[in-house]
Amino acid sequence: MKLILASNNKNKLREFRQIVKDLPIELISQKEAGCDFEVEETGTTFEENAFLKASAVTNATGCAAVADDSGLCVDALNGEPGIYSARYGLGHEASDTERYQYLLKKLEGIGNRSARFVCCICCTFPDGRVLKSRGECEGEILLRPEGDGGFGYDPVFHPLCTEKGMAQLTPEEKNAISHRGNALRIFIPLLEEAVKNDYQ
C-alpha cells in the first residue's frame, strides 16, 4: 500500500519509516508525491492540525495520507510551547538549538519542570475514512542540553521511564518510548485493519 506522509520534515520521515519498516507499506514523502505546498496549521489542537495536513494531501493526490502533529507541553508554562513547538518564541526560521535555549531561559528559577511530548496521528482516505491516534511521553525538562541525537527539543527532555535523556537514546530506544512511537503503536493496527478490509 502506498501511503503519503503529509510532511516535508526529513526527521519525521526517517522515524516513520523506521517504525513501519516491517509492514507492507510504501511510505513516501509529501514532496515525492508532488505536493509542494505547506498546509497552514490553523487548528487549536494537535488533533485538528494533523487532520488538516493529512486531508489536504489526500484531496490533492487522491491517495491515503498520514500526518502527525506533535510538540512539547510544559506544565509550568501552561502547556507551552504546545502546538507552537516548531515556531516557539523565534518563529519557523529559528534553529532547534535556539528554540530549546529560549525554553530553558523561560524556565530559569522554576522548580517544576514536568513536561510531556504529545503526538497525534491522523490518516485520511479518498473515500472519507479517517483514522486517529494519540501518544504521549511523560518527562521533565533538563537544566541543560544532554546528548546529540534526536531533533527538536530532545536534548533538553528527560523521559521518566529511562535514566537517559531523549537525545542520548539510540533510534530504537527512542522509538520504544517516544510519543510518536506510542501513537504509532495504536495507529498501526487501525491501519492494518483498514487495509485488510479494502481487500476482502
Protein backbone atom coordinates (compact mmCIF):
# COMPACT_ATOMS: atom_id res chain seq x y z
CA MET A 1 0.00 0.00 0.00
CA LYS A 2 1.28 3.46 -0.86
CA LEU A 3 0.92 5.99 1.92
CA ILE A 4 1.96 9.64 1.73
CA LEU A 5 3.47 11.29 4.78
CA ALA A 6 1.98 14.78 4.81
CA SER A 7 5.20 16.44 5.85
CA ASN A 8 8.49 17.63 4.38
CA ASN A 9 10.31 17.04 7.68
CA LYS A 10 13.15 14.60 6.94
CA ASN A 11 13.48 13.64 10.61
CA LYS A 12 9.80 12.67 10.83
CA LEU A 13 10.05 10.72 7.58
CA ARG A 14 13.04 8.79 8.91
CA GLU A 15 11.28 7.99 12.20
CA PHE A 16 8.05 6.93 10.48
CA ARG A 17 9.91 4.71 8.03
CA GLN A 18 11.86 3.08 10.86
CA ILE A 19 8.67 2.24 12.74
CA VAL A 20 6.66 0.92 9.75
CA LYS A 21 9.58 -0.86 8.06
CA ASP A 22 8.15 -4.33 8.73
CA LEU A 23 4.72 -3.51 7.29
CA PRO A 24 3.59 -3.87 3.64
CA ILE A 25 3.53 -0.09 3.26
CA GLU A 26 5.44 2.11 0.84
CA LEU A 27 5.78 5.38 2.72
CA ILE A 28 6.68 8.36 0.55
CA SER A 29 7.12 11.98 1.48
CA GLN A 30 4.81 14.81 0.51
CA LYS A 31 7.50 16.12 -1.82
CA GLU A 32 7.91 12.72 -3.51
CA ALA A 33 4.15 12.73 -4.11
CA GLY A 34 4.41 16.05 -5.95
CA CYS A 35 2.81 18.17 -3.23
CA ASP A 36 4.97 21.28 -2.97
CA PHE A 37 2.68 23.19 -0.61
CA GLU A 38 2.70 23.85 3.11
CA VAL A 39 -0.59 23.43 4.95
CA GLU A 40 -1.47 26.30 7.27
CA GLU A 41 -1.87 24.87 10.75
CA THR A 42 -4.92 26.81 11.89
CA GLY A 43 -6.21 24.19 14.34
CA THR A 44 -6.23 24.77 18.08
CA THR A 45 -5.20 21.20 18.98
CA PHE A 46 -2.66 18.65 17.78
CA GLU A 47 -5.55 16.50 16.52
CA GLU A 48 -7.02 19.29 14.39
CA ASN A 49 -3.69 20.19 12.81
CA ALA A 50 -2.90 16.55 11.96
CA PHE A 51 -6.26 16.24 10.20
CA LEU A 52 -5.74 19.49 8.27
CA LYS A 53 -2.39 18.28 6.93
CA ALA A 54 -3.47 14.75 6.02
CA SER A 55 -6.74 15.79 4.36
CA ALA A 56 -5.02 18.48 2.28
CA VAL A 57 -2.63 15.90 0.78
CA THR A 58 -5.41 13.35 0.22
CA ASN A 59 -7.51 15.98 -1.51
CA ALA A 60 -4.58 17.00 -3.71
CA THR A 61 -3.45 13.48 -4.68
CA GLY A 62 -6.42 11.17 -4.31
CA CYS A 63 -4.24 8.90 -2.16
CA ALA A 64 -4.27 7.95 1.51
CA ALA A 65 -2.16 10.32 3.55
CA VAL A 66 -0.91 10.28 7.11
CA ALA A 67 0.14 13.27 9.16
CA ASP A 68 1.19 13.87 12.68
CA ASP A 69 1.19 16.99 14.75
CA SER A 70 3.39 16.87 17.76
CA GLY A 71 5.01 19.07 20.32
CA LEU A 72 6.22 19.63 23.81
CA CYS A 73 3.88 20.71 26.61
CA VAL A 74 5.47 22.16 29.77
CA ASP A 75 3.25 22.30 32.84
CA ALA A 76 4.85 25.35 34.44
CA LEU A 77 4.31 27.30 31.21
CA ASN A 78 0.60 26.41 30.95
CA GLY A 79 1.27 23.87 28.21
CA GLU A 80 3.67 25.96 26.12
CA PRO A 81 5.05 25.58 23.55
CA GLY A 82 2.31 23.07 22.64
CA ILE A 83 1.03 23.34 19.07
CA TYR A 84 3.53 26.17 18.50
CA SER A 85 6.56 23.98 19.29
CA ALA A 86 8.03 24.27 15.77
CA ARG A 87 7.89 28.06 15.83
CA TYR A 88 8.23 28.79 19.53
CA GLY A 89 9.48 32.20 20.52
CA LEU A 90 11.64 32.88 17.48
CA GLY A 91 9.48 31.59 14.61
CA HIS A 92 9.99 28.92 11.94
CA GLU A 93 13.39 30.29 10.92
CA ALA A 94 14.94 29.58 14.33
CA SER A 95 17.16 26.53 14.78
CA ASP A 96 16.31 23.70 17.15
CA THR A 97 19.06 24.94 19.46
CA GLU A 98 17.66 28.47 19.51
CA ARG A 99 14.19 27.16 20.36
CA TYR A 100 15.23 24.95 23.24
CA GLN A 101 17.56 27.64 24.61
CA TYR A 102 14.58 30.02 24.55
CA LEU A 103 12.60 27.42 26.51
CA LEU A 104 15.39 26.96 29.06
CA LYS A 105 15.53 30.73 29.54
CA LYS A 106 11.79 30.86 30.30
CA LEU A 107 12.20 28.09 32.89
CA GLU A 108 15.07 29.70 34.79
CA GLY A 109 14.34 29.61 38.51
CA ILE A 110 11.28 27.38 38.12
CA GLY A 111 11.34 24.20 40.19
CA ASN A 112 8.51 22.30 38.50
CA ARG A 113 9.94 21.11 35.20
CA SER A 114 7.40 18.38 34.40
CA ALA A 115 6.52 18.11 30.73
CA ARG A 116 5.39 15.71 28.07
CA PHE A 117 5.80 15.18 24.37
CA VAL A 118 2.48 14.68 22.57
CA CYS A 119 1.90 13.19 19.12
CA CYS A 120 -1.42 12.96 17.30
CA ILE A 121 -1.59 10.94 14.10
CA CYS A 122 -4.32 11.22 11.51
CA CYS A 123 -4.75 9.18 8.32
CA THR A 124 -7.28 10.22 5.69
CA PHE A 125 -8.53 8.09 2.79
CA PRO A 126 -10.05 9.20 -0.52
CA ASP A 127 -13.37 7.56 0.49
CA GLY A 128 -13.67 9.77 3.55
CA ARG A 129 -12.47 7.35 6.22
CA VAL A 130 -10.33 8.87 8.99
CA LEU A 131 -8.06 7.05 11.45
CA LYS A 132 -6.71 8.80 14.54
CA SER A 133 -4.39 8.02 17.44
CA ARG A 134 -2.60 9.90 20.21
CA GLY A 135 0.59 9.09 22.11
CA GLU A 136 2.43 10.81 24.93
CA CYS A 137 5.80 10.55 26.65
CA GLU A 138 6.00 11.91 30.19
CA GLY A 139 9.18 13.53 31.41
CA GLU A 140 10.87 16.66 32.62
CA ILE A 141 12.93 19.49 31.19
CA LEU A 142 16.64 19.25 31.92
CA LEU A 143 18.66 22.17 33.25
CA ARG A 144 20.96 21.96 30.24
CA PRO A 145 21.09 20.00 26.95
CA GLU A 146 22.42 16.44 27.07
CA GLY A 147 23.25 14.17 24.12
CA ASP A 148 23.49 14.81 20.40
CA GLY A 149 20.82 12.50 18.99
CA GLY A 150 17.21 13.13 18.01
CA PHE A 151 15.97 16.56 17.00
CA GLY A 152 13.80 19.42 18.20
CA TYR A 153 13.59 19.60 21.99
CA ASP A 154 15.10 16.13 22.52
CA PRO A 155 18.37 17.46 24.02
CA VAL A 156 16.54 19.12 26.94
CA PHE A 157 13.95 16.39 27.64
CA HIS A 158 14.37 13.53 30.09
CA PRO A 159 11.72 10.77 29.80
CA LEU A 160 10.63 9.45 33.19
CA CYS A 161 10.84 5.84 32.01
CA THR A 162 14.60 5.85 31.39
CA GLU A 163 17.77 7.11 33.00
CA LYS A 164 18.92 8.68 29.73
CA GLY A 165 17.90 11.95 28.15
CA MET A 166 15.90 11.72 24.91
CA ALA A 167 18.89 12.85 22.82
CA GLN A 168 21.06 10.13 24.40
CA LEU A 169 18.86 7.28 23.18
CA THR A 170 19.50 5.19 20.09
CA PRO A 171 16.79 5.45 17.41
CA GLU A 172 15.47 2.04 18.50
CA GLU A 173 15.38 3.05 22.18
CA LYS A 174 13.64 6.30 21.33
CA ASN A 175 11.00 4.62 19.15
CA ALA A 176 10.24 2.22 22.01
CA ILE A 177 9.17 5.02 24.38
CA SER A 178 8.56 8.17 22.34
CA HIS A 179 5.27 9.95 21.88
CA ARG A 180 5.41 9.20 18.14
CA GLY A 181 6.24 5.55 18.76
CA ASN A 182 3.38 5.26 21.27
CA ALA A 183 0.93 6.91 18.86
CA LEU A 184 2.06 4.66 16.00
CA ARG A 185 1.63 1.50 18.07
CA ILE A 186 -2.02 2.46 18.46
CA PHE A 187 -2.32 3.62 14.85
CA ILE A 188 -0.71 0.67 13.04
CA PRO A 189 -3.38 -1.93 14.00
CA LEU A 190 -6.06 0.54 12.88
CA LEU A 191 -4.29 0.97 9.55
CA GLU A 192 -3.78 -2.78 9.12
CA GLU A 193 -7.47 -3.38 9.73
CA ALA A 194 -8.45 -0.68 7.24
CA VAL A 195 -6.15 -2.12 4.56
CA LYS A 196 -7.39 -5.68 5.23
CA ASN A 197 -11.00 -4.57 4.80
CA ASP A 198 -10.12 -2.98 1.45
CA TYR A 199 -9.06 -6.36 0.06
CA GLN A 200 -11.86 -8.54 1.42
